[in-house]
Amino acid sequence: MYQSWKRLLPADIDVCPVQLPGRENRMREPAMKSFASLAEALASALSAYLDTPFAFFGHSMGSMVSFELTRFLRRQGMPLPQHLFVSAYRAPQLAIARPWLHTMSEADLVQTLLALEGTSREVLENDELRQFLLPLIRSDFTACETYTYTSEEPLACPIDVFGGQQDRRAPHAVLAAWQEQTSSQFQLHMLPGGHFYLQERPAPLLDILARQLQYQSH
């Protein structure tokens, strides 16, 4: 999905997708199960690229990865993003709702994933693909559901938050609470669609990203 953004965003915005362990061309690597370990690994991997103005965008779990990575960079005295964009995930200081997905039985987890509409029925009904994907998905849910928020000073960079108007897992109230995490400007954008609104209709999101990034560059 992020690769397609390279041709959809203005040419002066470089799109640099980050591939996490356990996915696609990194499928043989064990997936990480905590945001702390992910943030440390990402800071090391990205350190050589942080000498130019940059921003972070994260969707769903990626919102927390981006947030904790930014806080890790600040603690290490490293360059910080000019803007943080997060999408379809509750503010980090809010407790996560139960039941926890990472402890569900396989059958219950499959039904939950179908309801979320992020994984196709064809994939989940294929035994081989399901057995490959479910451990990775459980790792993601483990990171999300065992996360412990530690209070720190709000970030100095602006935060824009995006959500789908029909997304029941990330409604307006839990997205608005991100405002506590910045001492700078904050904007909340509710866009048409569900949890995966950015796949269904990417144009409204990309228009806002382009406008915000190009405004900051001038």
C-alpha atoms as a PDB file:
ATOM      1  CA  MET A   1       0.000   0.000   0.000  1.00  0.00           C
ATOM      2  CA  TYR A   2       2.701   2.501   0.963  1.00  0.00           C
ATOM      3  CA  GLN A   3       4.625   1.801  -2.233  1.00  0.00           C
ATOM      4  CA  SER A   4       1.644   3.134  -4.190  1.00  0.00           C
ATOM      5  CA  TRP A   5       1.862   6.420  -2.286  1.00  0.00           C
ATOM      6  CA  LYS A   6       5.092   7.215  -4.119  1.00  0.00           C
ATOM      7  CA  ARG A   7       3.130   7.955  -7.292  1.00  0.00           C
ATOM      8  CA  LEU A   8       0.111   9.462  -5.543  1.00  0.00           C
ATOM      9  CA  LEU A   9       1.938  12.096  -3.490  1.00  0.00           C
ATOM     10  CA  PRO A  10       3.794  15.129  -4.923  1.00  0.00           C
ATOM     11  CA  ALA A  11       7.273  14.414  -6.274  1.00  0.00           C
ATOM     12  CA  ASP A  12       8.974  16.510  -3.589  1.00  0.00           C
ATOM     13  CA  ILE A  13       7.720  14.167  -0.854  1.00  0.00           C
ATOM     14  CA  ASP A  14       9.780  10.989  -0.527  1.00  0.00           C
ATOM     15  CA  VAL A  15       7.832   7.962   0.712  1.00  0.00           C
ATOM     16  CA  CYS A  16      10.021   5.524   2.664  1.00  0.00           C
ATOM     17  CA  PRO A  17       8.025   2.479   3.777  1.00  0.00           C
ATOM     18  CA  VAL A  18       9.423   0.543   6.731  1.00  0.00           C
ATOM     19  CA  GLN A  19       9.189  -3.242   6.611  1.00  0.00           C
ATOM     20  CA  LEU A  20       8.923  -4.807  10.052  1.00  0.00           C
ATOM     21  CA  PRO A  21      10.379  -8.229  10.945  1.00  0.00           C
ATOM     22  CA  GLY A  22       8.207 -11.218  10.069  1.00  0.00           C
ATOM     23  CA  ARG A  23       6.597  -9.588   7.033  1.00  0.00           C
ATOM     24  CA  GLU A  24       6.983 -10.179   3.286  1.00  0.00           C
ATOM     25  CA  ASN A  25      10.700 -10.085   2.433  1.00  0.00           C
ATOM     26  CA  ARG A  26      11.506 -10.345   6.171  1.00  0.00           C
ATOM     27  CA  MET A  27       9.167 -13.270   6.771  1.00  0.00           C
ATOM     28  CA  ARG A  28      11.909 -15.548   8.091  1.00  0.00           C
ATOM     29  CA  GLU A  29      12.719 -13.156  10.945  1.00  0.00           C
ATOM     30  CA  PRO A  30      10.822 -13.446  14.241  1.00  0.00           C
ATOM     31  CA  ALA A  31       8.220 -10.754  14.753  1.00  0.00           C
ATOM     32  CA  MET A  32       8.798  -8.384  17.648  1.00  0.00           C
ATOM     33  CA  LYS A  33       6.240  -8.427  20.439  1.00  0.00           C
ATOM     34  CA  SER A  34       6.813  -5.063  22.106  1.00  0.00           C
ATOM     35  CA  PHE A  35       6.867  -1.461  20.975  1.00  0.00           C
ATOM     36  CA  ALA A  36       9.974  -0.803  23.063  1.00  0.00           C
ATOM     37  CA  SER A  37      12.076  -3.355  21.180  1.00  0.00           C
ATOM     38  CA  LEU A  38      10.641  -2.172  17.856  1.00  0.00           C
ATOM     39  CA  ALA A  39      11.453   1.462  18.614  1.00  0.00           C
ATOM     40  CA  GLU A  40      15.042   0.670  19.536  1.00  0.00           C
ATOM     41  CA  ALA A  41      15.581  -1.457  16.421  1.00  0.00           C
ATOM     42  CA  LEU A  42      13.982   1.157  14.158  1.00  0.00           C
ATOM     43  CA  ALA A  43      16.035   4.006  15.628  1.00  0.00           C
ATOM     44  CA  SER A  44      19.197   2.073  14.852  1.00  0.00           C
ATOM     45  CA  ALA A  45      18.076   1.197  11.329  1.00  0.00           C
ATOM     46  CA  LEU A  46      16.902   4.716  10.480  1.00  0.00           C
ATOM     47  CA  SER A  47      19.654   6.750  12.157  1.00  0.00           C
ATOM     48  CA  ALA A  48      21.605   7.268   8.915  1.00  0.00           C
ATOM     49  CA  TYR A  49      18.523   8.757   7.219  1.00  0.00           C
ATOM     50  CA  LEU A  50      17.485  11.311   9.833  1.00  0.00           C
ATOM     51  CA  ASP A  51      19.680  14.159   8.569  1.00  0.00           C
ATOM     52  CA  THR A  52      16.906  15.564   6.381  1.00  0.00           C
ATOM     53  CA  PRO A  53      13.468  16.888   7.426  1.00  0.00           C
ATOM     54  CA  PHE A  54      11.124  13.940   7.963  1.00  0.00           C
ATOM     55  CA  ALA A  55       7.741  12.939   9.333  1.00  0.00           C
ATOM     56  CA  PHE A  56       6.291   9.647  10.553  1.00  0.00           C
ATOM     57  CA  PHE A  57       2.990   8.097   9.495  1.00  0.00           C
ATOM     58  CA  GLY A  58       1.579   5.013  11.167  1.00  0.00           C
ATOM     59  CA  HIS A  59      -1.729   3.235  10.708  1.00  0.00           C
ATOM     60  CA  SER A  60      -3.374   1.183  13.458  1.00  0.00           C
ATOM     61  CA  MET A  61      -0.519  -0.590  15.301  1.00  0.00           C
ATOM     62  CA  GLY A  62       1.854   1.559  13.243  1.00  0.00           C
ATOM     63  CA  SER A  63       0.543   4.587  15.138  1.00  0.00           C
ATOM     64  CA  MET A  64       2.034   3.239  18.343  1.00  0.00           C
ATOM     65  CA  VAL A  65       5.250   2.232  16.595  1.00  0.00           C
ATOM     66  CA  SER A  66       5.634   5.795  15.275  1.00  0.00           C
ATOM     67  CA  PHE A  67       4.766   7.344  18.632  1.00  0.00           C
ATOM     68  CA  GLU A  68       7.132   5.217  20.698  1.00  0.00           C
ATOM     69  CA  LEU A  69       9.877   5.592  18.074  1.00  0.00           C
ATOM     70  CA  THR A  70       9.556   9.393  18.325  1.00  0.00           C
ATOM     71  CA  ARG A  71       9.781   9.267  22.111  1.00  0.00           C
ATOM     72  CA  PHE A  72      12.793   6.930  21.926  1.00  0.00           C
ATOM     73  CA  LEU A  73      14.561   9.324  19.525  1.00  0.00           C
ATOM     74  CA  ARG A  74      13.895  12.192  21.946  1.00  0.00           C
ATOM     75  CA  ARG A  75      15.335  10.258  24.892  1.00  0.00           C
ATOM     76  CA  GLN A  76      18.451   9.495  22.840  1.00  0.00           C
ATOM     77  CA  GLY A  77      18.924  13.091  21.711  1.00  0.00           C
ATOM     78  CA  MET A  78      18.465  12.114  18.061  1.00  0.00           C
ATOM     79  CA  PRO A  79      16.719  14.148  15.325  1.00  0.00           C
ATOM     80  CA  LEU A  80      12.945  14.262  15.682  1.00  0.00           C
ATOM     81  CA  PRO A  81      10.157  14.248  13.084  1.00  0.00           C
ATOM     82  CA  GLN A  82       8.707  17.579  12.062  1.00  0.00           C
ATOM     83  CA  HIS A  83       5.235  16.046  12.129  1.00  0.00           C
ATOM     84  CA  LEU A  84       3.606  12.913  13.503  1.00  0.00           C
ATOM     85  CA  PHE A  85       0.657  11.418  11.622  1.00  0.00           C
ATOM     86  CA  VAL A  86      -1.239   8.598  13.328  1.00  0.00           C
ATOM     87  CA  SER A  87      -4.260   6.703  12.105  1.00  0.00           C
ATOM     88  CA  ALA A  88      -7.045   4.491  13.431  1.00  0.00           C
ATOM     89  CA  TYR A  89      -5.642   3.809  16.892  1.00  0.00           C
ATOM     90  CA  ARG A  90      -6.610   4.964  20.370  1.00  0.00           C
ATOM     91  CA  ALA A  91      -4.411   7.481  22.176  1.00  0.00           C
ATOM     92  CA  PRO A  92      -1.594   5.652  24.016  1.00  0.00           C
ATOM     93  CA  GLN A  93      -2.647   6.773  27.508  1.00  0.00           C
ATOM     94  CA  LEU A  94      -6.034   5.056  27.174  1.00  0.00           C
ATOM     95  CA  ALA A  95      -6.496   1.513  28.421  1.00  0.00           C
ATOM     96  CA  ILE A  96      -7.142  -1.046  25.708  1.00  0.00           C
ATOM     97  CA  ALA A  97     -10.561  -2.656  25.647  1.00  0.00           C
ATOM     98  CA  ARG A  98     -10.993  -6.343  26.337  1.00  0.00           C
ATOM     99  CA  PRO A  99     -11.401  -9.119  25.350  1.00  0.00           C
ATOM    100  CA  TRP A 100      -7.761  -9.450  24.356  1.00  0.00           C
ATOM    101  CA  LEU A 101      -7.269 -10.857  20.898  1.00  0.00           C
ATOM    102  CA  HIS A 102      -3.784 -12.318  21.370  1.00  0.00           C
ATOM    103  CA  THR A 103      -5.133 -14.936  23.817  1.00  0.00           C
ATOM    104  CA  MET A 104      -8.140 -15.988  21.715  1.00  0.00           C
ATOM    105  CA  SER A 105      -8.540 -19.479  20.315  1.00  0.00           C
ATOM    106  CA  GLU A 106      -7.741 -19.860  16.637  1.00  0.00           C
ATOM    107  CA  ALA A 107     -11.422 -20.106  15.699  1.00  0.00           C
ATOM    108  CA  ASP A 108     -12.372 -16.973  17.657  1.00  0.00           C
ATOM    109  CA  LEU A 109      -9.405 -15.040  16.290  1.00  0.00           C
ATOM    110  CA  VAL A 110     -10.323 -15.942  12.714  1.00  0.00           C
ATOM    111  CA  GLN A 111     -13.897 -14.758  13.258  1.00  0.00           C
ATOM    112  CA  THR A 112     -12.643 -11.496  14.772  1.00  0.00           C
ATOM    113  CA  LEU A 113     -10.290 -10.903  11.855  1.00  0.00           C
ATOM    114  CA  LEU A 114     -13.116 -11.481   9.397  1.00  0.00           C
ATOM    115  CA  ALA A 115     -15.236  -8.932  11.260  1.00  0.00           C
ATOM    116  CA  LEU A 116     -12.401  -6.386  11.071  1.00  0.00           C
ATOM    117  CA  GLU A 117     -12.321  -6.878   7.283  1.00  0.00           C
ATOM    118  CA  GLY A 118      -8.532  -6.522   7.142  1.00  0.00           C
ATOM    119  CA  THR A 119      -7.777 -10.108   6.103  1.00  0.00           C
ATOM    120  CA  SER A 120      -9.642 -11.775   3.261  1.00  0.00           C
ATOM    121  CA  ARG A 121     -11.803 -14.816   3.877  1.00  0.00           C
ATOM    122  CA  GLU A 122      -9.901 -16.682   1.134  1.00  0.00           C
ATOM    123  CA  VAL A 123      -6.625 -16.246   3.020  1.00  0.00           C
ATOM    124  CA  LEU A 124      -8.059 -17.288   6.385  1.00  0.00           C
ATOM    125  CA  GLU A 125      -9.753 -20.348   4.904  1.00  0.00           C
ATOM    126  CA  ASN A 126      -6.472 -21.540   3.348  1.00  0.00           C
ATOM    127  CA  ASP A 127      -4.856 -23.822   5.960  1.00  0.00           C
ATOM    128  CA  GLU A 128      -1.272 -23.107   4.908  1.00  0.00           C
ATOM    129  CA  LEU A 129      -1.667 -19.335   4.738  1.00  0.00           C
ATOM    130  CA  ARG A 130      -3.645 -19.236   7.976  1.00  0.00           C
ATOM    131  CA  GLN A 131      -0.973 -21.191   9.880  1.00  0.00           C
ATOM    132  CA  PHE A 132       1.661 -18.797   8.548  1.00  0.00           C
ATOM    133  CA  LEU A 133      -0.248 -15.577   9.265  1.00  0.00           C
ATOM    134  CA  LEU A 134      -1.862 -16.211  12.637  1.00  0.00           C
ATOM    135  CA  PRO A 135       1.395 -16.270  14.686  1.00  0.00           C
ATOM    136  CA  LEU A 136       2.393 -12.953  13.104  1.00  0.00           C
ATOM    137  CA  ILE A 137      -1.015 -11.459  13.822  1.00  0.00           C
ATOM    138  CA  ARG A 138      -0.876 -12.721  17.409  1.00  0.00           C
ATOM    139  CA  SER A 139       2.528 -11.033  17.803  1.00  0.00           C
ATOM    140  CA  ASP A 140       1.003  -7.740  16.678  1.00  0.00           C
ATOM    141  CA  PHE A 141      -1.902  -8.065  19.087  1.00  0.00           C
ATOM    142  CA  THR A 142       0.500  -9.057  21.873  1.00  0.00           C
ATOM    143  CA  ALA A 143       2.477  -5.844  21.358  1.00  0.00           C
ATOM    144  CA  CYS A 144      -0.713  -3.774  21.391  1.00  0.00           C
ATOM    145  CA  GLU A 145      -2.455  -5.486  24.289  1.00  0.00           C
ATOM    146  CA  THR A 146       0.524  -5.796  26.672  1.00  0.00           C
ATOM    147  CA  TYR A 147       1.722  -2.220  26.121  1.00  0.00           C
ATOM    148  CA  THR A 148       2.189  -0.183  29.287  1.00  0.00           C
ATOM    149  CA  TYR A 149       2.040   3.569  28.844  1.00  0.00           C
ATOM    150  CA  THR A 150       4.686   5.655  30.610  1.00  0.00           C
ATOM    151  CA  SER A 151       3.932   9.337  31.052  1.00  0.00           C
ATOM    152  CA  GLU A 152       6.419  11.758  29.473  1.00  0.00           C
ATOM    153  CA  GLU A 153       6.359  15.371  28.344  1.00  0.00           C
ATOM    154  CA  PRO A 154       4.129  15.962  25.308  1.00  0.00           C
ATOM    155  CA  LEU A 155       5.904  15.945  21.957  1.00  0.00           C
ATOM    156  CA  ALA A 156       6.916  19.296  20.489  1.00  0.00           C
ATOM    157  CA  CYS A 157       5.893  18.353  16.960  1.00  0.00           C
ATOM    158  CA  PRO A 158       2.350  18.760  15.583  1.00  0.00           C
ATOM    159  CA  ILE A 159       0.158  15.652  15.577  1.00  0.00           C
ATOM    160  CA  ASP A 160      -2.514  14.947  12.989  1.00  0.00           C
ATOM    161  CA  VAL A 161      -4.838  12.033  13.699  1.00  0.00           C
ATOM    162  CA  PHE A 162      -6.941  10.238  11.097  1.00  0.00           C
ATOM    163  CA  GLY A 163      -9.852   7.863  11.544  1.00  0.00           C
ATOM    164  CA  GLY A 164     -12.569   6.151   9.581  1.00  0.00           C
ATOM    165  CA  GLN A 165     -16.061   7.425  10.252  1.00  0.00           C
ATOM    166  CA  GLN A 166     -17.378   3.841  10.378  1.00  0.00           C
ATOM    167  CA  ASP A 167     -14.467   2.398  12.390  1.00  0.00           C
ATOM    168  CA  ARG A 168     -15.968   1.003  15.589  1.00  0.00           C
ATOM    169  CA  ARG A 169     -12.572   0.037  17.046  1.00  0.00           C
ATOM    170  CA  ALA A 170     -11.197   3.582  16.869  1.00  0.00           C
ATOM    171  CA  PRO A 171     -14.085   6.056  17.282  1.00  0.00           C
ATOM    172  CA  HIS A 172     -13.762   9.823  17.535  1.00  0.00           C
ATOM    173  CA  ALA A 173     -13.362   9.938  21.328  1.00  0.00           C
ATOM    174  CA  VAL A 174     -10.289   7.691  21.545  1.00  0.00           C
ATOM    175  CA  LEU A 175      -8.670   9.487  18.600  1.00  0.00           C
ATOM    176  CA  ALA A 176      -9.295  12.961  20.036  1.00  0.00           C
ATOM    177  CA  ALA A 177      -7.374  11.982  23.181  1.00  0.00           C
ATOM    178  CA  TRP A 178      -4.125  12.080  21.152  1.00  0.00           C
ATOM    179  CA  GLN A 179      -4.209  15.853  21.711  1.00  0.00           C
ATOM    180  CA  GLU A 180      -2.660  15.262  25.147  1.00  0.00           C
ATOM    181  CA  GLN A 181       0.500  13.993  23.434  1.00  0.00           C
ATOM    182  CA  THR A 182       1.535  17.251  21.749  1.00  0.00           C
ATOM    183  CA  SER A 183       2.363  20.746  22.956  1.00  0.00           C
ATOM    184  CA  SER A 184       2.060  21.944  19.356  1.00  0.00           C
ATOM    185  CA  GLN A 185      -0.806  21.966  16.882  1.00  0.00           C
ATOM    186  CA  PHE A 186      -3.329  19.135  16.814  1.00  0.00           C
ATOM    187  CA  GLN A 187      -5.879  18.207  14.184  1.00  0.00           C
ATOM    188  CA  LEU A 188      -8.297  15.288  13.961  1.00  0.00           C
ATOM    189  CA  HIS A 189      -9.632  14.197  10.583  1.00  0.00           C
ATOM    190  CA  MET A 190     -12.531  11.750  10.334  1.00  0.00           C
ATOM    191  CA  LEU A 191     -12.669  10.347   6.805  1.00  0.00           C
ATOM    192  CA  PRO A 192     -15.228   8.153   5.019  1.00  0.00           C
ATOM    193  CA  GLY A 193     -14.764   4.422   5.551  1.00  0.00           C
ATOM    194  CA  GLY A 194     -13.978   1.834   8.200  1.00  0.00           C
ATOM    195  CA  HIS A 195     -10.742   0.768   9.873  1.00  0.00           C
ATOM    196  CA  PHE A 196      -9.034   0.412   6.495  1.00  0.00           C
ATOM    197  CA  TYR A 197     -10.401   3.650   5.034  1.00  0.00           C
ATOM    198  CA  LEU A 198      -6.941   4.472   3.639  1.00  0.00           C
ATOM    199  CA  GLN A 199      -7.074   1.439   1.363  1.00  0.00           C
ATOM    200  CA  GLU A 200     -10.679   2.015   0.363  1.00  0.00           C
ATOM    201  CA  ARG A 201     -10.314   5.737  -0.431  1.00  0.00           C
ATOM    202  CA  PRO A 202      -6.724   7.000  -0.058  1.00  0.00           C
ATOM    203  CA  ALA A 203      -7.190  10.361  -1.822  1.00  0.00           C
ATOM    204  CA  PRO A 204      -8.638  12.402   1.119  1.00  0.00           C
ATOM    205  CA  LEU A 205      -5.855  11.223   3.437  1.00  0.00           C
ATOM    206  CA  LEU A 206      -3.074  11.847   0.920  1.00  0.00           C
ATOM    207  CA  ASP A 207      -4.400  15.308   0.127  1.00  0.00           C
ATOM    208  CA  ILE A 208      -4.113  16.265   3.798  1.00  0.00           C
ATOM    209  CA  LEU A 209      -0.645  14.713   4.149  1.00  0.00           C
ATOM    210  CA  ALA A 210       0.625  16.582   1.107  1.00  0.00           C
ATOM    211  CA  ARG A 211      -0.828  19.869   2.296  1.00  0.00           C
ATOM    212  CA  GLN A 212       0.643  19.563   5.788  1.00  0.00           C
ATOM    213  CA  LEU A 213       4.085  18.440   4.631  1.00  0.00           C
ATOM    214  CA  GLN A 214       4.395  21.038   1.911  1.00  0.00           C
ATOM    215  CA  TYR A 215       3.238  23.789   4.305  1.00  0.00           C
ATOM    216  CA  GLN A 216       5.979  22.830   6.764  1.00  0.00           C
ATOM    217  CA  SER A 217       8.649  22.853   4.054  1.00  0.00           C
ATOM    218  CA  HIS A 218       8.034  26.552   3.320  1.00  0.00           C
END
